[in-house]
C-alpha atoms as a PDB file:
ATOM      1  CA  MET A   1     -38.555  35.886  82.621  1.00  0.00           C
ATOM      2  CA  LEU A   2     -37.617  38.228  85.495  1.00  0.00           C
ATOM      3  CA  ARG A   3     -34.642  36.039  86.403  1.00  0.00           C
ATOM      4  CA  LYS A   4     -33.407  36.058  82.809  1.00  0.00           C
ATOM      5  CA  LEU A   5     -33.839  39.834  82.662  1.00  0.00           C
ATOM      6  CA  LEU A   6     -31.816  40.315  85.850  1.00  0.00           C
ATOM      7  CA  ILE A   7     -29.063  38.038  84.530  1.00  0.00           C
ATOM      8  CA  ALA A   8     -29.034  39.981  81.254  1.00  0.00           C
ATOM      9  CA  LEU A   9     -28.792  43.295  83.129  1.00  0.00           C
ATOM     10  CA  ALA A  10     -25.970  41.903  85.288  1.00  0.00           C
ATOM     11  CA  VAL A  11     -24.042  40.880  82.169  1.00  0.00           C
ATOM     12  CA  LEU A  12     -24.562  44.337  80.650  1.00  0.00           C
ATOM     13  CA  VAL A  13     -23.305  46.024  83.823  1.00  0.00           C
ATOM     14  CA  VAL A  14     -20.180  43.841  83.848  1.00  0.00           C
ATOM     15  CA  LEU A  15     -19.568  44.570  80.167  1.00  0.00           C
ATOM     16  CA  ALA A  16     -20.078  48.300  80.708  1.00  0.00           C
ATOM     17  CA  ALA A  17     -17.655  48.262  83.641  1.00  0.00           C
ATOM     18  CA  GLY A  18     -15.135  46.399  81.523  1.00  0.00           C
ATOM     19  CA  VAL A  19     -15.434  48.913  78.695  1.00  0.00           C
ATOM     20  CA  ALA A  20     -15.130  51.830  81.129  1.00  0.00           C
ATOM     21  CA  TYR A  21     -11.967  50.311  82.637  1.00  0.00           C
ATOM     22  CA  TYR A  22     -10.527  49.689  79.179  1.00  0.00           C
ATOM     23  CA  LEU A  23     -11.241  53.269  78.071  1.00  0.00           C
ATOM     24  CA  TRP A  24      -9.767  54.675  81.288  1.00  0.00           C
ATOM     25  CA  HIS A  25      -6.658  52.530  80.882  1.00  0.00           C
ATOM     26  CA  GLN A  26      -6.255  53.662  77.265  1.00  0.00           C
ATOM     27  CA  ALA A  27      -6.923  57.326  78.048  1.00  0.00           C
ATOM     28  CA  THR A  28      -4.314  57.445  80.817  1.00  0.00           C
ATOM     29  CA  ALA A  29      -1.591  55.446  79.052  1.00  0.00           C
ATOM     30  CA  LEU A  30       1.747  57.252  78.929  1.00  0.00           C
ATOM     31  CA  PRO A  31       4.161  57.040  75.969  1.00  0.00           C
ATOM     32  CA  GLU A  32       7.211  54.799  76.183  1.00  0.00           C
ATOM     33  CA  TRP A  33       9.561  57.748  75.745  1.00  0.00           C
ATOM     34  CA  TYR A  34       8.346  59.479  78.906  1.00  0.00           C
ATOM     35  CA  ASP A  35      10.766  59.337  81.832  1.00  0.00           C
ATOM     36  CA  PRO A  36       9.551  61.293  84.892  1.00  0.00           C
ATOM     37  CA  ASN A  37      13.137  61.524  86.153  1.00  0.00           C
ATOM     38  CA  ALA A  38      14.651  62.888  82.942  1.00  0.00           C
ATOM     39  CA  PRO A  39      15.940  66.495  82.670  1.00  0.00           C
ATOM     40  CA  GLY A  40      13.212  68.902  81.628  1.00  0.00           C
ATOM     41  CA  THR A  41      10.460  67.376  83.746  1.00  0.00           C
ATOM     42  CA  ALA A  42      10.958  69.791  86.641  1.00  0.00           C
ATOM     43  CA  VAL A  43       8.209  72.309  87.390  1.00  0.00           C
ATOM     44  CA  ALA A  44       8.666  76.026  86.857  1.00  0.00           C
ATOM     45  CA  SER A  45      10.745  78.016  89.287  1.00  0.00           C
ATOM     46  CA  ALA A  46       9.230  80.043  92.096  1.00  0.00           C
ATOM     47  CA  GLU A  47       9.647  83.163  89.976  1.00  0.00           C
ATOM     48  CA  GLY A  48       7.417  81.615  87.323  1.00  0.00           C
ATOM     49  CA  GLY A  49      10.142  81.321  84.704  1.00  0.00           C
ATOM     50  CA  ALA A  50      11.340  78.355  82.685  1.00  0.00           C
ATOM     51  CA  PRO A  51      12.144  75.110  84.535  1.00  0.00           C
ATOM     52  CA  ALA A  52      15.476  75.135  86.299  1.00  0.00           C
ATOM     53  CA  SER A  53      16.605  72.190  84.195  1.00  0.00           C
ATOM     54  CA  ALA A  54      15.960  73.984  80.892  1.00  0.00           C
ATOM     55  CA  PRO A  55      19.629  74.910  80.199  1.00  0.00           C
ATOM     56  CA  GLN A  56      20.576  71.207  80.363  1.00  0.00           C
ATOM     57  CA  VAL A  57      17.923  70.119  77.865  1.00  0.00           C
ATOM     58  CA  ASP A  58      18.487  69.868  74.124  1.00  0.00           C
ATOM     59  CA  THR A  59      15.503  71.329  72.308  1.00  0.00           C
ATOM     60  CA  GLU A  60      16.769  71.052  68.738  1.00  0.00           C
ATOM     61  CA  TRP A  61      15.769  68.666  65.975  1.00  0.00           C
ATOM     62  CA  VAL A  62      18.089  65.648  65.781  1.00  0.00           C
ATOM     63  CA  GLN A  63      18.134  62.463  63.755  1.00  0.00           C
ATOM     64  CA  SER A  64      15.923  59.794  65.290  1.00  0.00           C
ATOM     65  CA  ALA A  65      17.473  56.645  66.732  1.00  0.00           C
ATOM     66  CA  ASP A  66      16.568  54.565  63.658  1.00  0.00           C
ATOM     67  CA  GLY A  67      18.131  57.156  61.360  1.00  0.00           C
ATOM     68  CA  GLN A  68      14.917  57.403  59.337  1.00  0.00           C
ATOM     69  CA  GLY A  69      13.429  60.618  60.665  1.00  0.00           C
ATOM     70  CA  GLN A  70      13.794  63.569  63.019  1.00  0.00           C
ATOM     71  CA  GLU A  71      12.855  64.087  66.637  1.00  0.00           C
ATOM     72  CA  MET A  72      12.909  66.854  69.188  1.00  0.00           C
ATOM     73  CA  LYS A  73      12.520  66.502  72.923  1.00  0.00           C
ATOM     74  CA  ASN A  74      10.965  69.096  75.217  1.00  0.00           C
ATOM     75  CA  PHE A  75       9.741  71.397  72.463  1.00  0.00           C
ATOM     76  CA  HIS A  76       7.612  73.192  75.052  1.00  0.00           C
ATOM     77  CA  LEU A  77      10.798  74.825  76.342  1.00  0.00           C
ATOM     78  CA  ARG A  78      11.399  76.529  72.976  1.00  0.00           C
ATOM     79  CA  THR A  79       8.622  79.082  73.285  1.00  0.00           C
ATOM     80  CA  SER A  80       7.898  81.871  75.736  1.00  0.00           C
ATOM     81  CA  LYS A  81       4.235  81.874  74.677  1.00  0.00           C
ATOM     82  CA  ILE A  82       3.373  79.218  77.271  1.00  0.00           C
ATOM     83  CA  LYS A  83       2.349  81.046  80.409  1.00  0.00           C
ATOM     84  CA  PRO A  84       3.950  80.064  83.736  1.00  0.00           C
ATOM     85  CA  GLY A  85       0.570  78.918  85.056  1.00  0.00           C
ATOM     86  CA  ILE A  86       0.433  76.314  82.293  1.00  0.00           C
ATOM     87  CA  ARG A  87       4.149  75.624  81.841  1.00  0.00           C
ATOM     88  CA  LYS A  88       4.490  74.049  85.263  1.00  0.00           C
ATOM     89  CA  ALA A  89       1.840  71.474  84.382  1.00  0.00           C
ATOM     90  CA  ILE A  90       3.930  70.177  81.446  1.00  0.00           C
ATOM     91  CA  LYS A  91       6.286  67.389  82.473  1.00  0.00           C
ATOM     92  CA  ALA A  92       7.892  66.606  79.120  1.00  0.00           C
ATOM     93  CA  SER A  93       7.221  66.833  75.396  1.00  0.00           C
ATOM     94  CA  ARG A  94       8.443  65.183  72.215  1.00  0.00           C
ATOM     95  CA  ALA A  95       7.913  65.578  68.476  1.00  0.00           C
ATOM     96  CA  THR A  96       8.828  63.232  65.639  1.00  0.00           C
ATOM     97  CA  TYR A  97       8.702  63.785  61.891  1.00  0.00           C
ATOM     98  CA  LYS A  98       9.229  60.948  59.444  1.00  0.00           C
ATOM     99  CA  ASP A  99       8.099  60.332  55.869  1.00  0.00           C
ATOM    100  CA  GLY A 100       5.599  63.194  56.037  1.00  0.00           C
ATOM    101  CA  HIS A 101       4.049  61.944  59.276  1.00  0.00           C
ATOM    102  CA  VAL A 102       4.250  64.089  62.396  1.00  0.00           C
ATOM    103  CA  GLU A 103       3.472  63.286  66.006  1.00  0.00           C
ATOM    104  CA  ALA A 104       3.887  65.933  68.658  1.00  0.00           C
ATOM    105  CA  GLY A 105       2.677  65.701  72.213  1.00  0.00           C
ATOM    106  CA  MET A 106       3.328  66.341  75.848  1.00  0.00           C
ATOM    107  CA  VAL A 107       2.794  64.691  79.181  1.00  0.00           C
ATOM    108  CA  ALA A 108       0.954  67.098  81.442  1.00  0.00           C
ATOM    109  CA  ASN A 109      -1.081  67.196  84.612  1.00  0.00           C
ATOM    110  CA  LEU A 110      -3.823  69.806  84.479  1.00  0.00           C
ATOM    111  CA  GLY A 111      -4.229  69.409  88.225  1.00  0.00           C
ATOM    112  CA  ASP A 112      -0.939  71.326  88.555  1.00  0.00           C
ATOM    113  CA  VAL A 113      -2.343  74.371  86.781  1.00  0.00           C
ATOM    114  CA  SER A 114      -3.154  77.233  89.122  1.00  0.00           C
ATOM    115  CA  PRO A 115      -6.385  78.929  87.934  1.00  0.00           C
ATOM    116  CA  ASP A 116      -5.265  82.148  89.615  1.00  0.00           C
ATOM    117  CA  GLU A 117      -2.375  82.414  87.153  1.00  0.00           C
ATOM    118  CA  LEU A 118      -4.582  82.076  84.083  1.00  0.00           C
ATOM    119  CA  SER A 119      -6.603  84.605  82.164  1.00  0.00           C
ATOM    120  CA  LYS A 120     -10.358  84.220  82.180  1.00  0.00           C
ATOM    121  CA  GLY A 121     -10.225  82.829  78.652  1.00  0.00           C
ATOM    122  CA  ASP A 122      -7.586  80.247  79.616  1.00  0.00           C
ATOM    123  CA  GLN A 123      -9.603  79.298  82.702  1.00  0.00           C
ATOM    124  CA  ASN A 124     -12.669  78.681  80.552  1.00  0.00           C
ATOM    125  CA  PHE A 125     -10.640  76.588  78.109  1.00  0.00           C
ATOM    126  CA  LEU A 126      -9.146  74.569  80.978  1.00  0.00           C
ATOM    127  CA  ASN A 127     -12.617  73.914  82.368  1.00  0.00           C
ATOM    128  CA  LYS A 128     -13.883  72.823  78.954  1.00  0.00           C
ATOM    129  CA  ALA A 129     -10.884  70.537  78.464  1.00  0.00           C
ATOM    130  CA  SER A 130     -11.400  68.945  81.879  1.00  0.00           C
ATOM    131  CA  GLU A 131     -15.093  68.405  81.190  1.00  0.00           C
ATOM    132  CA  ALA A 132     -14.505  67.058  77.681  1.00  0.00           C
ATOM    133  CA  PHE A 133     -11.656  64.776  78.711  1.00  0.00           C
ATOM    134  CA  PRO A 134     -12.022  63.954  82.447  1.00  0.00           C
ATOM    135  CA  SER A 135      -8.840  61.826  82.425  1.00  0.00           C
ATOM    136  CA  LEU A 136      -6.791  65.029  82.048  1.00  0.00           C
ATOM    137  CA  LYS A 137      -7.423  66.031  85.654  1.00  0.00           C
ATOM    138  CA  GLU A 138      -5.239  65.145  88.649  1.00  0.00           C
ATOM    139  CA  ARG A 139      -2.806  62.789  86.886  1.00  0.00           C
ATOM    140  CA  ASP A 140      -0.095  62.742  84.233  1.00  0.00           C
ATOM    141  CA  VAL A 141      -1.685  62.272  80.811  1.00  0.00           C
ATOM    142  CA  TYR A 142      -0.316  62.304  77.280  1.00  0.00           C
ATOM    143  CA  ILE A 143      -1.889  64.944  75.020  1.00  0.00           C
ATOM    144  CA  GLY A 144      -0.800  65.157  71.399  1.00  0.00           C
ATOM    145  CA  VAL A 145      -1.578  65.416  67.726  1.00  0.00           C
ATOM    146  CA  GLU A 146      -0.523  63.141  64.877  1.00  0.00           C
ATOM    147  CA  GLY A 147      -1.132  62.611  61.205  1.00  0.00           C
ATOM    148  CA  GLU A 148       0.137  62.957  57.675  1.00  0.00           C
ATOM    149  CA  THR A 149       1.233  66.453  56.770  1.00  0.00           C
ATOM    150  CA  VAL A 150       0.820  68.688  53.738  1.00  0.00           C
ATOM    151  CA  VAL A 151       3.120  71.477  52.598  1.00  0.00           C
ATOM    152  CA  LYS A 152       1.610  74.833  51.723  1.00  0.00           C
ATOM    153  CA  ASP A 153       3.893  77.642  50.557  1.00  0.00           C
ATOM    154  CA  GLY A 154       6.833  75.746  51.992  1.00  0.00           C
ATOM    155  CA  VAL A 155       5.216  75.415  55.421  1.00  0.00           C
ATOM    156  CA  VAL A 156       4.443  71.993  56.938  1.00  0.00           C
ATOM    157  CA  GLN A 157       0.837  71.766  58.123  1.00  0.00           C
ATOM    158  CA  LEU A 158      -1.496  69.068  59.397  1.00  0.00           C
ATOM    159  CA  GLY A 159      -3.260  66.993  56.770  1.00  0.00           C
ATOM    160  CA  PRO A 160      -7.045  66.534  56.607  1.00  0.00           C
ATOM    161  CA  ASN A 161      -7.112  63.302  58.624  1.00  0.00           C
ATOM    162  CA  SER A 162      -4.931  64.351  61.558  1.00  0.00           C
ATOM    163  CA  LYS A 163      -6.023  63.327  65.036  1.00  0.00           C
ATOM    164  CA  VAL A 164      -5.775  64.544  68.604  1.00  0.00           C
ATOM    165  CA  LYS A 165      -4.499  61.912  71.023  1.00  0.00           C
ATOM    166  CA  ILE A 166      -5.344  61.503  74.713  1.00  0.00           C
ATOM    167  CA  GLY A 167      -3.245  58.597  75.979  1.00  0.00           C
ATOM    168  CA  ASN A 168      -3.818  55.822  73.449  1.00  0.00           C
ATOM    169  CA  LEU A 169      -7.190  57.171  72.358  1.00  0.00           C
ATOM    170  CA  SER A 170      -7.512  59.171  69.140  1.00  0.00           C
ATOM    171  CA  TYR A 171     -10.081  61.794  68.190  1.00  0.00           C
ATOM    172  CA  SER A 172     -10.575  63.400  64.801  1.00  0.00           C
ATOM    173  CA  LEU A 173      -9.980  67.143  64.771  1.00  0.00           C
ATOM    174  CA  PRO A 174     -13.706  67.842  64.256  1.00  0.00           C
ATOM    175  CA  ASP A 175     -14.584  65.618  67.249  1.00  0.00           C
ATOM    176  CA  ALA A 176     -11.893  67.130  69.466  1.00  0.00           C
ATOM    177  CA  ALA A 177     -12.945  70.651  68.512  1.00  0.00           C
ATOM    178  CA  ARG A 178     -16.592  69.833  69.255  1.00  0.00           C
ATOM    179  CA  ARG A 179     -15.703  68.444  72.680  1.00  0.00           C
ATOM    180  CA  LEU A 180     -13.694  71.563  73.464  1.00  0.00           C
ATOM    181  CA  GLY A 181     -16.387  73.904  72.173  1.00  0.00           C
ATOM    182  CA  MET A 182     -14.069  75.260  69.492  1.00  0.00           C
ATOM    183  CA  ASP A 183     -14.334  75.788  65.781  1.00  0.00           C
ATOM    184  CA  GLU A 184     -12.352  73.111  63.930  1.00  0.00           C
ATOM    185  CA  SER A 185     -10.585  75.671  61.750  1.00  0.00           C
ATOM    186  CA  LYS A 186      -9.417  77.549  64.849  1.00  0.00           C
ATOM    187  CA  LEU A 187      -8.123  74.363  66.493  1.00  0.00           C
ATOM    188  CA  ARG A 188      -6.312  73.389  63.285  1.00  0.00           C
ATOM    189  CA  ALA A 189      -4.822  76.879  62.949  1.00  0.00           C
ATOM    190  CA  GLU A 190      -3.504  76.792  66.529  1.00  0.00           C
ATOM    191  CA  LEU A 191      -1.966  73.348  66.023  1.00  0.00           C
ATOM    192  CA  ASN A 192      -0.365  74.441  62.745  1.00  0.00           C
ATOM    193  CA  ALA A 193       1.022  77.522  64.482  1.00  0.00           C
ATOM    194  CA  GLU A 194       2.589  75.251  67.096  1.00  0.00           C
ATOM    195  CA  LEU A 195       4.199  73.135  64.359  1.00  0.00           C
ATOM    196  CA  ALA A 196       5.631  76.341  62.898  1.00  0.00           C
ATOM    197  CA  ARG A 197       7.024  77.392  66.284  1.00  0.00           C
ATOM    198  CA  MET A 198       8.652  73.984  66.599  1.00  0.00           C
ATOM    199  CA  GLY A 199      10.325  74.515  63.252  1.00  0.00           C
ATOM    200  CA  VAL A 200       8.872  71.445  61.524  1.00  0.00           C
ATOM    201  CA  ARG A 201      10.350  71.437  58.018  1.00  0.00           C
ATOM    202  CA  GLU A 202      10.691  69.033  55.151  1.00  0.00           C
ATOM    203  CA  PRO A 203      13.974  67.094  55.248  1.00  0.00           C
ATOM    204  CA  GLY A 204      16.702  69.060  53.545  1.00  0.00           C
ATOM    205  CA  LYS A 205      14.916  72.394  53.917  1.00  0.00           C
END
């Protein structure tokens, strides 16, 4: 009986290790579009401003390669709301909008964020994010949101079943908000505000 129990425990350990490896591999997967050598992946300048490559980067919506939707690269360069302490951690970003489905995300390395350059609130959020999603620390990781959209008063917003993505793993907005210690409505509002800043609009609008 003891021998069988030990064998069973050994099998469980191997299975657990396999699942952990699989989850780690999925959580740290980078999107196919990401090119670490492409313009726009440079870190912020010494003065803390926008990346030196920003003038060479197109940050407007264009027709996607298949001609069926829209895409925008490096949308994080469109806003001045991203503080220098966080901006330098963002390597690249991309948004697509097709048939009412949006996906917007960025490749970032939270290990590049300098806590000294963040407000106390941002430091707390960074700590919560690192604790909730350990794969975000010390390596490039894809962080995004995707889902069907709804239009309210002419403004494109996330639909009820939208998800937060970490690598290839997806989390419902309620789950992501819980992990981050946030209210779901606040997380949704912030994501919708980001879509508005990116200028996500219905085709033809």
